[in-house]
């Protein structure tokens, strides 16, 4: 009997919360509807401006960073290629030195 009463209380509390939530949502919708109906709209409302300067500056900064990263990657690629070329040259020099050393005994 106690378990049944606990279940009934939980069920009723849940139903009450659902009812309160629906009521709150309905009141909020009515309030928003009244605000829209009471609002006066003008042809050139000043609130319709878009801050383009900030957006353009941000876009230019991103493009500049992108170019900088491309240049950095290109520079790194050139450095790696130079190191590879030096390695080949040093290997050839090392081989020639070993050949000369072997000839001399």
Protein backbone atom coordinates (compact mmCIF):
# COMPACT_ATOMS: atom_id res chain seq x y z
CA UNK A 1 0.00 0.00 0.00
CA UNK A 2 2.89 2.40 0.83
CA UNK A 3 4.62 1.60 -2.47
CA UNK A 4 1.38 2.29 -4.32
CA UNK A 5 1.06 5.64 -2.56
CA UNK A 6 4.69 6.51 -3.39
CA UNK A 7 4.07 5.63 -7.04
CA UNK A 8 0.88 7.74 -7.09
CA UNK A 9 2.72 10.70 -5.55
CA UNK A 10 5.53 10.47 -8.12
CA UNK A 11 3.00 10.16 -10.92
CA UNK A 12 1.06 13.19 -9.69
CA UNK A 13 4.26 15.23 -9.23
CA UNK A 14 5.34 14.43 -12.77
CA UNK A 15 1.91 15.37 -14.11
CA UNK A 16 2.06 18.64 -12.15
CA UNK A 17 5.53 19.48 -13.52
CA UNK A 18 4.36 18.75 -17.07
CA UNK A 19 1.30 20.94 -16.57
CA UNK A 20 3.41 23.78 -15.13
CA UNK A 21 5.88 23.52 -18.00
CA UNK A 22 3.11 23.64 -20.63
CA UNK A 23 1.57 26.62 -18.84
CA UNK A 24 4.92 28.42 -18.70
CA UNK A 25 5.53 27.80 -22.41
CA UNK A 26 2.03 29.00 -23.30
CA UNK A 27 2.45 32.18 -21.21
CA UNK A 28 5.83 32.85 -22.81
CA UNK A 29 4.36 32.43 -26.30
CA UNK A 30 1.50 34.79 -25.45
CA UNK A 31 3.95 37.36 -24.07
CA UNK A 32 6.09 37.16 -27.21
CA UNK A 33 3.00 37.46 -29.40
CA UNK A 34 1.89 40.57 -27.52
CA UNK A 35 5.37 42.09 -27.84
CA UNK A 36 5.33 41.53 -31.59
CA UNK A 37 1.84 42.99 -31.96
CA UNK A 38 2.76 46.03 -29.86
CA UNK A 39 6.01 46.70 -31.71
CA UNK A 40 6.02 49.34 -34.40
CA UNK A 41 8.18 48.67 -37.41
CA UNK A 42 9.77 51.37 -39.53
CA UNK A 43 11.12 51.20 -43.05
CA UNK A 44 14.75 51.93 -42.11
CA UNK A 45 15.22 50.61 -38.63
CA UNK A 46 18.73 51.37 -37.36
CA UNK A 47 18.93 47.92 -35.77
CA UNK A 48 19.25 46.30 -39.21
CA UNK A 49 22.87 47.36 -39.76
CA UNK A 50 25.49 44.67 -40.18
CA UNK A 51 29.03 45.29 -38.87
CA UNK A 52 30.78 44.56 -42.19
CA UNK A 53 34.03 46.32 -41.32
CA UNK A 54 34.80 43.89 -38.49
CA UNK A 55 33.87 40.91 -40.64
CA UNK A 56 36.05 42.13 -43.52
CA UNK A 57 38.97 42.76 -41.18
CA UNK A 58 38.58 39.27 -39.72
CA UNK A 59 38.44 37.75 -43.22
CA UNK A 60 41.55 39.67 -44.31
CA UNK A 61 43.38 38.53 -41.18
CA UNK A 62 42.46 34.92 -41.90
CA UNK A 63 43.64 35.23 -45.50
CA UNK A 64 46.89 36.80 -44.33
CA UNK A 65 47.44 33.98 -41.85
CA UNK A 66 46.67 31.45 -44.60
CA UNK A 67 49.23 33.05 -46.92
CA UNK A 68 51.79 33.11 -44.11
CA UNK A 69 51.28 29.41 -43.45
CA UNK A 70 51.62 28.65 -47.17
CA UNK A 71 54.89 30.60 -47.27
CA UNK A 72 56.11 28.81 -44.15
CA UNK A 73 55.31 25.40 -45.64
CA UNK A 74 57.01 26.38 -48.92
CA UNK A 75 60.09 27.56 -47.03
CA UNK A 76 60.20 24.31 -45.04
CA UNK A 77 59.92 22.30 -48.25
CA UNK A 78 62.81 24.24 -49.81
CA UNK A 79 64.96 23.72 -46.71
CA UNK A 80 64.28 19.97 -46.73
CA UNK A 81 65.15 19.76 -50.43
CA UNK A 82 68.38 21.65 -49.79
CA UNK A 83 69.30 19.25 -46.98
CA UNK A 84 68.62 16.27 -49.25
CA UNK A 85 70.87 17.75 -51.93
CA UNK A 86 73.61 18.36 -49.36
CA UNK A 87 73.28 14.77 -48.16
CA UNK A 88 73.74 13.45 -51.68
CA UNK A 89 76.77 15.71 -52.16
CA UNK A 90 78.30 14.68 -48.83
CA UNK A 91 77.72 10.99 -49.59
CA UNK A 92 79.53 11.41 -52.90
CA UNK A 93 82.40 13.25 -51.21
CA UNK A 94 82.58 10.60 -48.47
CA UNK A 95 82.76 7.84 -51.07
CA UNK A 96 85.54 9.63 -52.94
CA UNK A 97 87.50 10.14 -49.71
CA UNK A 98 87.14 6.44 -48.89
CA UNK A 99 88.28 5.51 -52.41
CA UNK A 100 91.36 7.74 -52.10
CA UNK A 101 92.10 6.31 -48.64
CA UNK A 102 91.85 2.76 -50.02
CA UNK A 103 94.19 3.62 -52.89
CA UNK A 104 96.77 5.07 -50.57
CA UNK A 105 96.55 2.12 -48.25
